[in-house]
């Protein structure tokens, strides 16, 4: 069975699952330079098609998911780019959107700034976390009465790329019940990557141990090992009342019973004692569905004890499994059964506090007029500005006409004047995003 890294434990009620990923939306397809070439039409006009839009990365909240475990196996996600334009004004196909399913209750933070982007609170909620780039325009789009034969086209706009941090507050789906030392911590260690401290004395577990169990692709659940309960727990004896509050938030109880005979206690009586504590604490706990696991059947004589007890429990309506948490015998069928039962139950979603209200950050504007010139070295200058960087990236610099067109646009926007004011000289290097060129002083751009 596959395992994962253990998660951080926060307080006594809720746990936090965090994962960092990077996403990259698809670039837009390139526009092309083409002209009509038909019989009897010797001078066909421009006919280069536009590129298709790149695929976006979309986050989709799915109430059927309870953990972020799948994002621990893959950390980078990319959408496909748009297809380049074609002849005869043909527009390229758009890239497919990439939809990432995440659990309801996931908070999404910007990995660089740490700002909260969105808090998913409803099933089916979607958010475009990285937009696909626009397709570049083909030369047919630039034809005018005064420029009837344009010999330039645009590259596709780069798709957005960003790092993200997902944070999910976990409530245990399965609560493990049982007297001290029945093997709850051992089971957690067996089915997940959690590594609780295990020793043979009462109240070994002083805080709940958490394990995230992967059933199969697309299915996982949170299992919490609740510290051993004793008689009087509902009234505060031992640590019982504190952890009964935690069990109250689970959806399913797995009641483990030691059938080894080493404790000197009656397994059936232990079962009844703990259930009585649940009823005394609150009716809601007593109504939670329970699955029974007779543990330590690998010990001589224990299997016979379990087989003798099993019919009486089944007559009371309990599903019974014979397992050995130490050797993993019978554990896999148990885990699959728990996963199937959880699929039938409604999921409990943590309610955001006032400090965790939903926040939606408006996309940063892409105005080409907003830019900043910086001197970054001897004879080196950088022009920054999100909109401007995208505009330059879309310029096809393979033709002289495209270069002249970009030069005119930079002049009209005041970029060249800003460079002069910053002290740029002929031959200095100017960088705009990933595009780099040598500055050439011209007093006037036609």
Protein backbone atom coordinates (compact mmCIF):
# COMPACT_ATOMS: atom_id res chain seq x y z
CA UNK A 1 0.00 0.00 0.00
CA UNK A 2 1.34 3.43 -0.92
CA UNK A 3 2.13 5.82 1.90
CA UNK A 4 2.65 9.53 2.23
CA UNK A 5 4.44 12.00 4.41
CA UNK A 6 2.96 12.72 7.83
CA UNK A 7 1.09 15.98 8.27
CA UNK A 8 1.40 18.65 10.94
CA UNK A 9 -0.90 18.42 13.93
CA UNK A 10 -2.47 21.68 15.05
CA UNK A 11 -4.25 21.75 18.39
CA UNK A 12 -6.58 18.94 19.43
CA UNK A 13 -9.42 19.47 16.99
CA UNK A 14 -8.12 20.17 13.53
CA UNK A 15 -5.11 19.27 11.38
CA UNK A 16 -3.52 21.10 8.48
CA UNK A 17 -2.46 19.57 5.19
CA UNK A 18 -0.18 21.76 3.05
CA UNK A 19 1.33 21.29 -0.37
CA UNK A 20 3.12 23.58 -2.83
CA UNK A 21 2.77 23.27 -6.59
CA UNK A 22 3.50 25.29 -9.73
CA UNK A 23 1.06 25.80 -12.58
CA UNK A 24 1.65 27.06 -16.11
CA UNK A 25 -1.18 27.96 -18.47
CA UNK A 26 -0.71 27.29 -22.16
CA UNK A 27 0.80 29.91 -24.45
CA UNK A 28 -1.36 31.22 -27.24
CA UNK A 29 -0.66 29.89 -30.71
CA UNK A 30 1.26 32.13 -33.11
CA UNK A 31 -0.41 34.12 -35.84
CA UNK A 32 1.15 33.55 -39.25
CA UNK A 33 2.11 35.58 -42.28
CA UNK A 34 0.41 34.23 -45.40
CA UNK A 35 -1.19 35.48 -48.64
CA UNK A 36 -3.90 34.15 -50.88
CA UNK A 37 -2.49 32.06 -53.67
CA UNK A 38 -5.32 31.15 -56.01
CA UNK A 39 -5.51 30.65 -59.72
CA UNK A 40 -6.38 33.79 -61.64
CA UNK A 41 -5.76 35.92 -58.52
CA UNK A 42 -2.14 36.95 -58.96
CA UNK A 43 -2.11 39.45 -56.10
CA UNK A 44 -4.06 37.86 -53.31
CA UNK A 45 -4.37 39.75 -50.07
CA UNK A 46 -3.08 38.82 -46.63
CA UNK A 47 -4.58 35.53 -45.37
CA UNK A 48 -2.59 34.56 -42.28
CA UNK A 49 -4.83 33.15 -39.54
CA UNK A 50 -4.80 33.81 -35.80
CA UNK A 51 -3.36 31.39 -33.29
CA UNK A 52 -5.63 29.59 -30.84
CA UNK A 53 -5.88 30.52 -27.16
CA UNK A 54 -3.78 28.51 -24.72
CA UNK A 55 -5.48 26.32 -22.16
CA UNK A 56 -6.10 27.77 -18.70
CA UNK A 57 -5.52 26.05 -15.36
CA UNK A 58 -8.77 25.83 -13.40
CA UNK A 59 -9.26 24.78 -9.78
CA UNK A 60 -12.48 22.86 -9.09
CA UNK A 61 -13.76 22.18 -5.57
CA UNK A 62 -14.95 18.59 -5.17
CA UNK A 63 -16.75 17.57 -1.97
CA UNK A 64 -15.85 13.93 -2.62
CA UNK A 65 -12.18 14.67 -1.93
CA UNK A 66 -10.93 14.96 1.63
CA UNK A 67 -7.14 15.34 1.33
CA UNK A 68 -4.43 16.87 -0.87
CA UNK A 69 -2.54 13.60 -1.13
CA UNK A 70 -2.50 13.40 -4.96
CA UNK A 71 -0.58 16.70 -5.21
CA UNK A 72 2.27 15.10 -3.27
CA UNK A 73 3.05 12.81 -6.20
CA UNK A 74 3.06 15.53 -8.86
CA UNK A 75 4.03 19.14 -8.21
CA UNK A 76 4.05 20.76 -11.69
CA UNK A 77 0.98 21.18 -13.92
CA UNK A 78 0.86 22.61 -17.44
CA UNK A 79 -1.97 23.31 -19.86
CA UNK A 80 -1.43 22.76 -23.60
CA UNK A 81 -0.66 25.71 -25.87
CA UNK A 82 -2.90 26.93 -28.65
CA UNK A 83 -2.33 25.79 -32.22
CA UNK A 84 -0.71 28.23 -34.65
CA UNK A 85 -2.92 29.94 -37.22
CA UNK A 86 -3.24 28.54 -40.72
CA UNK A 87 -3.54 29.62 -44.32
CA UNK A 88 -6.72 31.24 -45.66
CA UNK A 89 -7.54 33.02 -42.40
CA UNK A 90 -7.80 29.74 -40.49
CA UNK A 91 -7.70 30.19 -36.70
CA UNK A 92 -5.74 27.58 -34.78
CA UNK A 93 -7.49 25.37 -32.24
CA UNK A 94 -7.46 26.43 -28.62
CA UNK A 95 -5.59 24.39 -26.02
CA UNK A 96 -7.71 22.39 -23.60
CA UNK A 97 -8.15 23.73 -20.10
CA UNK A 98 -6.51 21.77 -17.30
CA UNK A 99 -8.91 21.21 -14.39
CA UNK A 100 -7.37 20.37 -11.00
CA UNK A 101 -9.80 18.93 -8.45
CA UNK A 102 -9.23 19.95 -4.85
CA UNK A 103 -11.23 19.34 -1.66
CA UNK A 104 -13.87 21.77 -0.47
CA UNK A 105 -12.32 23.82 2.33
CA UNK A 106 -8.98 24.29 0.55
CA UNK A 107 -7.38 27.71 0.84
CA UNK A 108 -5.17 28.73 -2.08
CA UNK A 109 -2.27 31.11 -1.45
CA UNK A 110 0.14 32.78 -3.84
CA UNK A 111 3.41 30.94 -3.36
CA UNK A 112 5.52 34.09 -3.79
CA UNK A 113 3.58 36.79 -1.93
CA UNK A 114 1.77 34.55 0.55
CA UNK A 115 -1.52 36.32 -0.20
CA UNK A 116 -4.75 34.36 0.05
CA UNK A 117 -6.25 34.04 -3.43
CA UNK A 118 -9.41 32.06 -2.74
CA UNK A 119 -11.00 29.92 -0.04
CA UNK A 120 -13.12 27.19 -1.60
CA UNK A 121 -16.25 26.81 0.50
CA UNK A 122 -18.78 25.23 -1.87
CA UNK A 123 -18.89 22.02 -3.89
CA UNK A 124 -18.48 22.68 -7.61
CA UNK A 125 -16.92 26.10 -7.17
CA UNK A 126 -14.35 26.92 -9.86
CA UNK A 127 -11.61 29.51 -10.20
CA UNK A 128 -9.25 30.23 -13.10
CA UNK A 129 -5.94 30.28 -11.29
CA UNK A 130 -3.78 30.76 -14.43
CA UNK A 131 -5.18 32.15 -17.67
CA UNK A 132 -4.15 30.78 -21.03
CA UNK A 133 -2.45 33.20 -23.40
CA UNK A 134 -4.34 34.83 -26.25
CA UNK A 135 -3.61 33.63 -29.73
CA UNK A 136 -1.39 35.90 -31.79
CA UNK A 137 -3.02 37.75 -34.67
CA UNK A 138 -2.19 36.72 -38.22
CA UNK A 139 -1.24 39.29 -40.82
CA UNK A 140 -4.79 39.32 -42.21
CA UNK A 141 -5.83 41.20 -39.07
CA UNK A 142 -3.43 44.08 -39.76
CA UNK A 143 -4.59 44.94 -43.27
CA UNK A 144 -5.77 48.57 -43.62
CA UNK A 145 -6.50 50.83 -46.60
CA UNK A 146 -3.01 52.28 -46.22
CA UNK A 147 -1.26 49.03 -45.32
CA UNK A 148 -2.75 46.46 -47.67
CA UNK A 149 0.13 43.98 -47.56
CA UNK A 150 1.25 43.69 -43.93
CA UNK A 151 4.20 41.39 -43.55
CA UNK A 152 4.05 40.89 -39.81
CA UNK A 153 2.05 38.83 -37.35
CA UNK A 154 1.98 38.33 -33.60
CA UNK A 155 3.30 35.51 -31.50
CA UNK A 156 0.94 33.95 -29.01
CA UNK A 157 0.64 35.58 -25.61
CA UNK A 158 2.50 33.65 -22.88
CA UNK A 159 0.23 31.78 -20.51
CA UNK A 160 0.30 32.76 -16.86
CA UNK A 161 2.65 30.87 -14.57
CA UNK A 162 2.57 30.96 -10.80
CA UNK A 163 3.51 29.05 -7.70
CA UNK A 164 0.71 28.10 -5.32
CA UNK A 165 0.34 26.82 -1.80
CA UNK A 166 -2.72 24.78 -0.91
CA UNK A 167 -3.78 24.60 2.72
CA UNK A 168 -6.56 22.29 3.87
CA UNK A 169 -7.84 21.98 7.40
CA UNK A 170 -8.53 18.32 7.97
CA UNK A 171 -11.20 16.78 10.12
CA UNK A 172 -10.74 13.10 10.77
CA UNK A 173 -13.00 10.94 8.60
CA UNK A 174 -12.35 7.80 10.65
CA UNK A 175 -11.91 7.91 14.42
CA UNK A 176 -10.13 4.98 16.03
CA UNK A 177 -11.65 3.85 19.33
CA UNK A 178 -10.44 1.30 21.81
CA UNK A 179 -8.87 0.80 25.21
CA UNK A 180 -5.20 1.73 25.62
CA UNK A 181 -2.71 -0.51 23.82
CA UNK A 182 -5.21 -2.27 21.53
CA UNK A 183 -3.03 -1.35 18.52
CA UNK A 184 -4.53 1.90 17.21
CA UNK A 185 -1.19 3.66 16.79
CA UNK A 186 0.25 0.56 15.15
CA UNK A 187 -2.57 0.56 12.61
CA UNK A 188 -2.00 4.25 11.83
CA UNK A 189 1.67 3.52 11.23
CA UNK A 190 0.77 0.53 9.03
CA UNK A 191 -1.64 2.31 6.65
CA UNK A 192 0.02 5.73 6.37
CA UNK A 193 3.40 7.37 6.71
CA UNK A 194 2.57 8.69 10.16
CA UNK A 195 5.05 7.42 12.71
CA UNK A 196 3.49 7.74 16.18
CA UNK A 197 5.41 6.86 19.32
CA UNK A 198 4.34 3.41 20.40
CA UNK A 199 5.01 1.85 23.81
CA UNK A 200 3.32 -0.70 26.02
CA UNK A 201 1.78 1.32 28.82
CA UNK A 202 -1.61 3.01 29.36
CA UNK A 203 -2.20 6.37 27.67
CA UNK A 204 0.79 6.00 25.38
CA UNK A 205 -0.94 8.40 22.99
CA UNK A 206 -1.32 11.77 24.67
CA UNK A 207 -2.55 13.57 21.55
CA UNK A 208 -4.39 12.16 18.53
CA UNK A 209 -2.13 10.71 15.85
CA UNK A 210 -3.16 11.56 12.31
CA UNK A 211 -2.71 9.44 9.21
CA UNK A 212 -3.84 10.11 5.67
CA UNK A 213 -4.72 6.82 4.01
CA UNK A 214 -4.74 6.46 0.24
CA UNK A 215 -7.29 3.85 -0.78
CA UNK A 216 -6.70 4.10 -4.51
CA UNK A 217 -6.38 6.77 -7.20
CA UNK A 218 -8.74 9.60 -6.39
CA UNK A 219 -9.75 8.27 -2.96
CA UNK A 220 -8.16 8.94 0.38
CA UNK A 221 -9.30 9.66 3.90
CA UNK A 222 -8.05 10.94 7.23
CA UNK A 223 -7.75 8.52 10.12
CA UNK A 224 -7.24 9.78 13.68
CA UNK A 225 -6.03 7.62 16.53
CA UNK A 226 -7.95 8.89 19.56
CA UNK A 227 -6.14 8.39 22.90
CA UNK A 228 -7.35 5.45 24.97
CA UNK A 229 -10.67 5.94 26.73
CA UNK A 230 -11.53 4.64 30.18
CA UNK A 231 -14.64 4.47 32.29
CA UNK A 232 -15.72 7.96 33.31
CA UNK A 233 -14.20 9.58 30.20
CA UNK A 234 -17.44 11.43 29.47
CA UNK A 235 -17.14 13.16 32.85
CA UNK A 236 -13.51 14.13 32.33
CA UNK A 237 -11.65 11.12 33.74
CA UNK A 238 -8.19 10.83 32.25
CA UNK A 239 -8.03 12.73 28.95
CA UNK A 240 -11.33 11.35 27.76
CA UNK A 241 -13.64 14.36 27.54
CA UNK A 242 -11.11 16.39 25.56
CA UNK A 243 -10.82 13.75 22.88
CA UNK A 244 -14.47 12.80 22.84
CA UNK A 245 -14.99 16.33 21.49
CA UNK A 246 -12.65 15.42 18.66
CA UNK A 247 -14.38 12.12 17.88
CA UNK A 248 -17.63 14.05 17.59
CA UNK A 249 -16.38 15.57 14.32
CA UNK A 250 -15.61 12.26 12.59
CA UNK A 251 -17.92 10.50 10.16
CA UNK A 252 -17.15 6.87 10.96
CA UNK A 253 -15.76 5.02 13.97
CA UNK A 254 -13.40 2.07 13.81
CA UNK A 255 -13.57 0.24 17.11
CA UNK A 256 -10.47 -1.86 17.74
CA UNK A 257 -10.55 -4.72 20.25
CA UNK A 258 -7.56 -6.63 21.58
CA UNK A 259 -8.27 -10.37 21.35
CA UNK A 260 -4.75 -11.50 22.36
CA UNK A 261 -5.81 -12.37 25.91
CA UNK A 262 -2.74 -10.63 27.36
CA UNK A 263 -4.73 -7.81 28.97
CA UNK A 264 -6.85 -10.04 31.19
CA UNK A 265 -9.94 -8.07 30.16
CA UNK A 266 -13.12 -9.28 28.46
CA UNK A 267 -13.13 -7.99 24.83
CA UNK A 268 -16.94 -7.80 24.69
CA UNK A 269 -17.06 -5.92 27.98
CA UNK A 270 -14.41 -3.44 26.77
CA UNK A 271 -16.52 -2.78 23.69
CA UNK A 272 -19.64 -2.11 25.79
CA UNK A 273 -17.78 0.17 28.23
CA UNK A 274 -16.53 2.48 25.48
CA UNK A 275 -19.89 2.60 23.76
CA UNK A 276 -21.51 3.48 27.04
CA UNK A 277 -19.09 6.39 27.39
CA UNK A 278 -20.05 7.56 23.91
CA UNK A 279 -23.76 7.49 24.77
CA UNK A 280 -23.22 9.33 28.05
CA UNK A 281 -21.21 12.04 26.33
CA UNK A 282 -23.78 12.68 23.61
CA UNK A 283 -26.38 10.89 21.48
CA UNK A 284 -24.66 12.06 18.30
CA UNK A 285 -21.57 10.01 19.06
CA UNK A 286 -23.58 6.87 19.75
CA UNK A 287 -25.32 7.23 16.39
CA UNK A 288 -22.12 7.32 14.34
CA UNK A 289 -21.63 4.15 12.28
CA UNK A 290 -19.08 1.74 13.73
CA UNK A 291 -16.88 -0.93 12.20
CA UNK A 292 -15.26 -3.50 14.51
CA UNK A 293 -11.71 -4.79 14.12
CA UNK A 294 -10.48 -7.69 16.27
CA UNK A 295 -6.77 -6.99 16.44
CA UNK A 296 -3.67 -9.13 17.19
CA UNK A 297 -5.02 -12.31 15.56
CA UNK A 298 -1.39 -13.23 14.78
CA UNK A 299 -0.92 -14.18 18.45
CA UNK A 300 -1.53 -17.88 19.19
CA UNK A 301 -5.10 -18.49 20.35
CA UNK A 302 -6.30 -15.00 19.43
CA UNK A 303 -7.87 -16.03 16.13
CA UNK A 304 -10.00 -18.65 17.84
CA UNK A 305 -11.19 -16.03 20.34
CA UNK A 306 -12.07 -13.63 17.53
CA UNK A 307 -13.97 -16.27 15.56
CA UNK A 308 -15.99 -17.13 18.67
CA UNK A 309 -16.88 -13.48 19.32
CA UNK A 310 -17.63 -12.51 15.72
CA UNK A 311 -21.20 -13.92 15.42
CA UNK A 312 -22.45 -12.03 18.48
CA UNK A 313 -21.16 -8.72 17.08
CA UNK A 314 -22.59 -9.40 13.63
CA UNK A 315 -25.97 -10.15 15.17
CA UNK A 316 -25.88 -6.64 16.64
CA UNK A 317 -25.36 -5.23 13.15
CA UNK A 318 -21.61 -4.57 13.20
CA UNK A 319 -19.27 -5.34 10.32
CA UNK A 320 -16.36 -7.29 11.80
CA UNK A 321 -12.78 -7.69 10.52
CA UNK A 322 -10.03 -9.91 11.89
CA UNK A 323 -6.71 -8.12 11.57
CA UNK A 324 -3.16 -7.88 12.77
CA UNK A 325 -1.98 -4.29 12.71
CA UNK A 326 1.56 -5.52 13.37
CA UNK A 327 1.76 -7.86 10.36
CA UNK A 328 -0.86 -6.06 8.13
CA UNK A 329 -2.97 -9.23 7.90
CA UNK A 330 -6.54 -8.30 6.99
CA UNK A 331 -5.72 -4.58 6.87
CA UNK A 332 -6.20 -4.03 3.13
CA UNK A 333 -9.81 -5.33 3.02
CA UNK A 334 -10.56 -3.21 6.07
CA UNK A 335 -9.21 -0.04 4.44
CA UNK A 336 -11.15 -0.62 1.23
CA UNK A 337 -14.34 -1.21 3.22
CA UNK A 338 -13.80 2.03 5.17
CA UNK A 339 -13.26 3.92 1.93
CA UNK A 340 -16.47 2.52 0.44
CA UNK A 341 -18.46 3.39 3.56
CA UNK A 342 -17.13 6.94 3.62
CA UNK A 343 -18.25 7.39 0.01
CA UNK A 344 -21.81 6.87 1.26
CA UNK A 345 -21.57 9.45 4.05
CA UNK A 346 -21.78 13.22 3.86
CA UNK A 347 -18.53 14.99 4.39
CA UNK A 348 -18.09 17.48 7.23
CA UNK A 349 -16.46 20.68 5.94
CA UNK A 350 -14.73 23.02 8.41
CA UNK A 351 -16.57 26.37 8.56
CA UNK A 352 -14.24 29.32 7.88
CA UNK A 353 -13.83 31.72 10.78
CA UNK A 354 -14.22 35.46 10.38
CA UNK A 355 -10.49 35.69 9.77
CA UNK A 356 -10.79 33.05 7.06
CA UNK A 357 -13.51 34.73 5.02
CA UNK A 358 -13.48 34.17 1.29
CA UNK A 359 -11.16 36.60 -0.44
CA UNK A 360 -11.00 37.03 -4.21
CA UNK A 361 -8.13 39.07 -5.53
CA UNK A 362 -8.86 40.86 -8.78
CA UNK A 363 -6.43 40.00 -11.60
CA UNK A 364 -3.62 42.49 -11.97
CA UNK A 365 -4.31 44.98 -14.72
CA UNK A 366 -2.39 44.56 -17.98
CA UNK A 367 -2.22 48.21 -19.01
CA UNK A 368 0.64 48.70 -21.44
CA UNK A 369 1.14 52.23 -20.08
CA UNK A 370 2.30 51.04 -16.69
CA UNK A 371 6.02 50.36 -16.84
CA UNK A 372 9.25 51.11 -15.03
CA UNK A 373 12.79 51.47 -16.36
CA UNK A 374 15.65 50.25 -14.18
CA UNK A 375 19.39 50.35 -14.71
CA UNK A 376 20.53 46.84 -13.79
CA UNK A 377 24.21 47.04 -14.69
CA UNK A 378 26.88 48.78 -16.72
CA UNK A 379 25.18 49.40 -20.06
CA UNK A 380 22.21 47.25 -19.08
CA UNK A 381 18.61 48.34 -18.58
CA UNK A 382 15.40 46.49 -17.79
CA UNK A 383 11.88 47.63 -18.59
CA UNK A 384 9.28 46.13 -16.23
CA UNK A 385 5.51 46.11 -16.50
CA UNK A 386 3.26 43.09 -16.84
CA UNK A 387 1.25 44.38 -19.78
CA UNK A 388 4.29 45.72 -21.60
CA UNK A 389 6.23 42.49 -21.13
CA UNK A 390 3.33 40.51 -22.65
CA UNK A 391 3.08 42.93 -25.59
CA UNK A 392 6.78 42.58 -26.40
CA UNK A 393 6.62 38.80 -25.99
CA UNK A 394 3.87 38.68 -28.61
CA UNK A 395 5.94 40.62 -31.15
CA UNK A 396 7.31 38.42 -33.91
CA UNK A 397 10.83 39.74 -34.31
CA UNK A 398 11.74 37.50 -37.24
CA UNK A 399 10.86 40.14 -39.84
CA UNK A 400 12.14 43.70 -40.21
CA UNK A 401 8.60 45.02 -40.55
CA UNK A 402 7.59 43.46 -37.21
CA UNK A 403 10.64 45.00 -35.53
CA UNK A 404 9.83 48.44 -36.92
CA UNK A 405 6.22 48.12 -35.77
CA UNK A 406 7.31 47.25 -32.21
CA UNK A 407 9.77 50.16 -32.25
CA UNK A 408 6.97 52.57 -33.19
CA UNK A 409 4.75 51.28 -30.37
CA UNK A 410 7.50 51.65 -27.78
CA UNK A 411 8.10 55.20 -28.98
CA UNK A 412 4.43 56.17 -28.74
CA UNK A 413 4.11 54.66 -25.26
CA UNK A 414 7.05 56.71 -23.99
CA UNK A 415 9.31 53.73 -23.31
CA UNK A 416 12.15 55.03 -25.46
CA UNK A 417 11.91 58.46 -23.82
CA UNK A 418 12.03 56.84 -20.39
CA UNK A 419 15.13 54.90 -21.39
CA UNK A 420 16.83 58.11 -22.52
CA UNK A 421 15.97 59.77 -19.23
CA UNK A 422 17.51 56.81 -17.40
CA UNK A 423 20.75 57.37 -19.32
CA UNK A 424 20.67 54.68 -22.01
CA UNK A 425 23.29 55.01 -24.76
CA UNK A 426 23.67 53.56 -28.25
CA UNK A 427 24.60 49.89 -28.05
CA UNK A 428 23.36 49.40 -24.47
CA UNK A 429 21.39 46.22 -23.74
CA UNK A 430 17.68 46.58 -22.99
CA UNK A 431 15.64 43.68 -21.61
CA UNK A 432 11.87 43.44 -21.61
CA UNK A 433 10.84 40.13 -20.08
CA UNK A 434 12.71 37.44 -22.01
CA UNK A 435 13.33 39.71 -25.01
CA UNK A 436 16.71 41.41 -25.25
CA UNK A 437 17.85 43.98 -27.83
CA UNK A 438 20.54 46.62 -28.41
CA UNK A 439 19.37 50.20 -28.07
CA UNK A 440 19.65 52.40 -31.17
CA UNK A 441 19.04 56.13 -30.74
CA UNK A 442 16.61 57.62 -33.22
CA UNK A 443 15.27 61.13 -32.75
CA UNK A 444 12.05 60.38 -34.54
CA UNK A 445 10.18 57.24 -35.44
CA UNK A 446 8.16 57.40 -38.65
